[in-house]
Each structure stands twice: as structure tokens, then as C-alpha cells.
Amino acid sequence: MTLNSDGRGGKREKIMRNYVVLCNQKNLSMVGENSQSYSY
């Protein structure tokens, strides 16, 4: 990666990473809730 693309895309990459992390946490908690109410 070049410094240029880092400087311009860095913020957006961080936001996307945070978004993905949030989605993963939501999915994990949903799976946890589902596994408590349903047995697979």
C-alpha cells in the first residue's frame, strides 16, 4: 500500500472495519440468544 492510498482511504477503512466488527458482535449476540432459546 502507498502512503497516498493510506491517507485517503485510511479513515474509510477504519469506519468499515468498525462497522464489520459491530456487525460481527451483533451476529454473535444474536446467535447466543438463539442458542439459549433454541437447541440445535
PDB file of N, CA and C in Angstrom:
ATOM      1  N   MET A   1       0.848  -1.200   0.000  1.00  0.00           N
ATOM      2  CA  MET A   1       0.000   0.000   0.000  1.00  0.00           C
ATOM      3  C   MET A   1       0.883   1.249   0.000  1.00  0.00           C
ATOM      4  N   THR A   2       0.444   2.261  -0.713  1.00  0.00           N
ATOM      5  CA  THR A   2       1.198   3.507  -0.763  1.00  0.00           C
ATOM      6  C   THR A   2       0.689   4.449   0.309  1.00  0.00           C
ATOM      7  N   LEU A   3       1.531   5.429   0.653  1.00  0.00           N
ATOM      8  CA  LEU A   3       1.124   6.412   1.659  1.00  0.00           C
ATOM      9  C   LEU A   3      -0.105   7.168   1.176  1.00  0.00           C
ATOM     10  N   ASN A   4      -0.182   7.388  -0.142  1.00  0.00           N
ATOM     11  CA  ASN A   4      -1.293   8.143  -0.697  1.00  0.00           C
ATOM     12  C   ASN A   4      -2.616   7.444  -0.422  1.00  0.00           C
ATOM     13  N   SER A   5      -2.693   6.162  -0.773  1.00  0.00           N
ATOM     14  CA  SER A   5      -3.949   5.435  -0.589  1.00  0.00           C
ATOM     15  C   SER A   5      -4.254   5.283   0.905  1.00  0.00           C
ATOM     16  N   ASP A   6      -3.200   5.183   1.719  1.00  0.00           N
ATOM     17  CA  ASP A   6      -3.407   5.111   3.165  1.00  0.00           C
ATOM     18  C   ASP A   6      -4.057   6.387   3.666  1.00  0.00           C
ATOM     19  N   GLY A   7      -3.511   7.532   3.222  1.00  0.00           N
ATOM     20  CA  GLY A   7      -4.008   8.815   3.710  1.00  0.00           C
ATOM     21  C   GLY A   7      -5.449   9.053   3.306  1.00  0.00           C
ATOM     22  N   ARG A   8      -5.778   8.695   2.056  1.00  0.00           N
ATOM     23  CA  ARG A   8      -7.132   8.989   1.586  1.00  0.00           C
ATOM     24  C   ARG A   8      -8.129   7.935   2.049  1.00  0.00           C
ATOM     25  N   GLY A   9      -7.717   6.675   1.996  1.00  0.00           N
ATOM     26  CA  GLY A   9      -8.664   5.608   2.302  1.00  0.00           C
ATOM     27  C   GLY A   9      -8.610   5.138   3.741  1.00  0.00           C
ATOM     28  N   GLY A  10      -7.664   5.672   4.521  1.00  0.00           N
ATOM     29  CA  GLY A  10      -7.487   5.172   5.880  1.00  0.00           C
ATOM     30  C   GLY A  10      -8.730   5.344   6.728  1.00  0.00           C
ATOM     31  N   LYS A  11      -9.321   6.556   6.664  1.00  0.00           N
ATOM     32  CA  LYS A  11     -10.492   6.821   7.506  1.00  0.00           C
ATOM     33  C   LYS A  11     -11.627   5.884   7.129  1.00  0.00           C
ATOM     34  N   ARG A  12     -11.866   5.758   5.838  1.00  0.00           N
ATOM     35  CA  ARG A  12     -12.974   4.918   5.395  1.00  0.00           C
ATOM     36  C   ARG A  12     -12.709   3.465   5.770  1.00  0.00           C
ATOM     37  N   GLU A  13     -11.459   3.026   5.639  1.00  0.00           N
ATOM     38  CA  GLU A  13     -11.133   1.648   6.013  1.00  0.00           C
ATOM     39  C   GLU A  13     -11.422   1.416   7.482  1.00  0.00           C
ATOM     40  N   LYS A  14     -11.045   2.386   8.317  1.00  0.00           N
ATOM     41  CA  LYS A  14     -11.290   2.238   9.757  1.00  0.00           C
ATOM     42  C   LYS A  14     -12.783   2.159  10.027  1.00  0.00           C
ATOM     43  N   ILE A  15     -13.553   3.021   9.372  1.00  0.00           N
ATOM     44  CA  ILE A  15     -15.006   3.023   9.585  1.00  0.00           C
ATOM     45  C   ILE A  15     -15.584   1.679   9.160  1.00  0.00           C
ATOM     46  N   MET A  16     -15.139   1.182   8.002  1.00  0.00           N
ATOM     47  CA  MET A  16     -15.654  -0.101   7.529  1.00  0.00           C
ATOM     48  C   MET A  16     -15.270  -1.219   8.486  1.00  0.00           C
ATOM     49  N   ARG A  17     -14.036  -1.160   9.007  1.00  0.00           N
ATOM     50  CA  ARG A  17     -13.605  -2.202   9.947  1.00  0.00           C
ATOM     51  C   ARG A  17     -14.457  -2.151  11.200  1.00  0.00           C
ATOM     52  N   ASN A  18     -14.687  -0.942  11.719  1.00  0.00           N
ATOM     53  CA  ASN A  18     -15.519  -0.817  12.921  1.00  0.00           C
ATOM     54  C   ASN A  18     -16.920  -1.335  12.638  1.00  0.00           C
ATOM     55  N   TYR A  19     -17.456  -1.034  11.444  1.00  0.00           N
ATOM     56  CA  TYR A  19     -18.791  -1.477  11.082  1.00  0.00           C
ATOM     57  C   TYR A  19     -18.852  -3.005  11.045  1.00  0.00           C
ATOM     58  N   VAL A  20     -17.825  -3.605  10.440  1.00  0.00           N
ATOM     59  CA  VAL A  20     -17.782  -5.071  10.360  1.00  0.00           C
ATOM     60  C   VAL A  20     -17.708  -5.666  11.756  1.00  0.00           C
ATOM     61  N   VAL A  21     -16.891  -5.058  12.621  1.00  0.00           N
ATOM     62  CA  VAL A  21     -16.764  -5.563  13.992  1.00  0.00           C
ATOM     63  C   VAL A  21     -18.105  -5.469  14.698  1.00  0.00           C
ATOM     64  N   LEU A  22     -18.802  -4.336  14.529  1.00  0.00           N
ATOM     65  CA  LEU A  22     -20.106  -4.175  15.171  1.00  0.00           C
ATOM     66  C   LEU A  22     -21.077  -5.231  14.658  1.00  0.00           C
ATOM     67  N   CYS A  23     -21.088  -5.460  13.352  1.00  0.00           N
ATOM     68  CA  CYS A  23     -21.986  -6.463  12.779  1.00  0.00           C
ATOM     69  C   CYS A  23     -21.659  -7.839  13.335  1.00  0.00           C
ATOM     70  N   ASN A  24     -20.368  -8.149  13.435  1.00  0.00           N
ATOM     71  CA  ASN A  24     -19.971  -9.453  13.959  1.00  0.00           C
ATOM     72  C   ASN A  24     -20.426  -9.596  15.401  1.00  0.00           C
ATOM     73  N   GLN A  25     -20.289  -8.537  16.194  1.00  0.00           N
ATOM     74  CA  GLN A  25     -20.712  -8.608  17.591  1.00  0.00           C
ATOM     75  C   GLN A  25     -22.217  -8.806  17.665  1.00  0.00           C
ATOM     76  N   LYS A  26     -22.978  -8.093  16.809  1.00  0.00           N
ATOM     77  CA  LYS A  26     -24.428  -8.254  16.805  1.00  0.00           C
ATOM     78  C   LYS A  26     -24.793  -9.678  16.426  1.00  0.00           C
ATOM     79  N   ASN A  27     -24.135 -10.207  15.388  1.00  0.00           N
ATOM     80  CA  ASN A  27     -24.422 -11.575  14.952  1.00  0.00           C
ATOM     81  C   ASN A  27     -24.106 -12.565  16.058  1.00  0.00           C
ATOM     82  N   LEU A  28     -22.985 -12.366  16.739  1.00  0.00           N
ATOM     83  CA  LEU A  28     -22.603 -13.280  17.814  1.00  0.00           C
ATOM     84  C   LEU A  28     -23.634 -13.237  18.932  1.00  0.00           C
ATOM     85  N   SER A  29     -24.080 -12.027  19.286  1.00  0.00           N
ATOM     86  CA  SER A  29     -25.040 -11.930  20.385  1.00  0.00           C
ATOM     87  C   SER A  29     -26.381 -12.519  19.958  1.00  0.00           C
ATOM     88  N   MET A  30     -26.746 -12.339  18.678  1.00  0.00           N
ATOM     89  CA  MET A  30     -27.989 -12.933  18.197  1.00  0.00           C
ATOM     90  C   MET A  30     -27.888 -14.449  18.220  1.00  0.00           C
ATOM     91  N   VAL A  31     -26.755 -14.968  17.803  1.00  0.00           N
ATOM     92  CA  VAL A  31     -26.554 -16.419  17.839  1.00  0.00           C
ATOM     93  C   VAL A  31     -26.626 -16.907  19.276  1.00  0.00           C
ATOM     94  N   GLY A  32     -26.040 -16.151  20.193  1.00  0.00           N
ATOM     95  CA  GLY A  32     -26.070 -16.536  21.598  1.00  0.00           C
ATOM     96  C   GLY A  32     -27.493 -16.570  22.131  1.00  0.00           C
ATOM     97  N   GLU A  33     -28.289 -15.550  21.771  1.00  0.00           N
ATOM     98  CA  GLU A  33     -29.673 -15.520  22.236  1.00  0.00           C
ATOM     99  C   GLU A  33     -30.457 -16.674  21.629  1.00  0.00           C
ATOM    100  N   ASN A  34     -30.228 -16.931  20.342  1.00  0.00           N
ATOM    101  CA  ASN A  34     -30.951 -18.011  19.672  1.00  0.00           C
ATOM    102  C   ASN A  34     -30.594 -19.356  20.274  1.00  0.00           C
ATOM    103  N   SER A  35     -29.327 -19.547  20.595  1.00  0.00           N
ATOM    104  CA  SER A  35     -28.913 -20.849  21.116  1.00  0.00           C
ATOM    105  C   SER A  35     -29.480 -21.060  22.516  1.00  0.00           C
ATOM    106  N   GLN A  36     -29.812 -19.982  23.214  1.00  0.00           N
ATOM    107  CA  GLN A  36     -30.415 -20.133  24.533  1.00  0.00           C
ATOM    108  C   GLN A  36     -31.881 -20.542  24.411  1.00  0.00           C
ATOM    109  N   SER A  37     -32.567 -19.996  23.390  1.00  0.00           N
ATOM    110  CA  SER A  37     -33.987 -20.288  23.276  1.00  0.00           C
ATOM    111  C   SER A  37     -34.252 -21.503  22.392  1.00  0.00           C
ATOM    112  N   TYR A  38     -33.330 -21.811  21.475  1.00  0.00           N
ATOM    113  CA  TYR A  38     -33.490 -22.994  20.632  1.00  0.00           C
ATOM    114  C   TYR A  38     -32.299 -23.907  20.842  1.00  0.00           C
ATOM    115  N   SER A  39     -32.520 -25.190  20.814  1.00  0.00           N
ATOM    116  CA  SER A  39     -31.395 -26.129  20.875  1.00  0.00           C
ATOM    117  C   SER A  39     -31.173 -26.689  19.482  1.00  0.00           C
ATOM    118  N   TYR A  40     -29.954 -26.597  18.988  1.00  0.00           N
ATOM    119  CA  TYR A  40     -29.650 -27.084  17.643  1.00  0.00           C
ATOM    120  C   TYR A  40     -29.097 -28.487  17.728  1.00  0.00           C
TER     121      TYR A  40
END
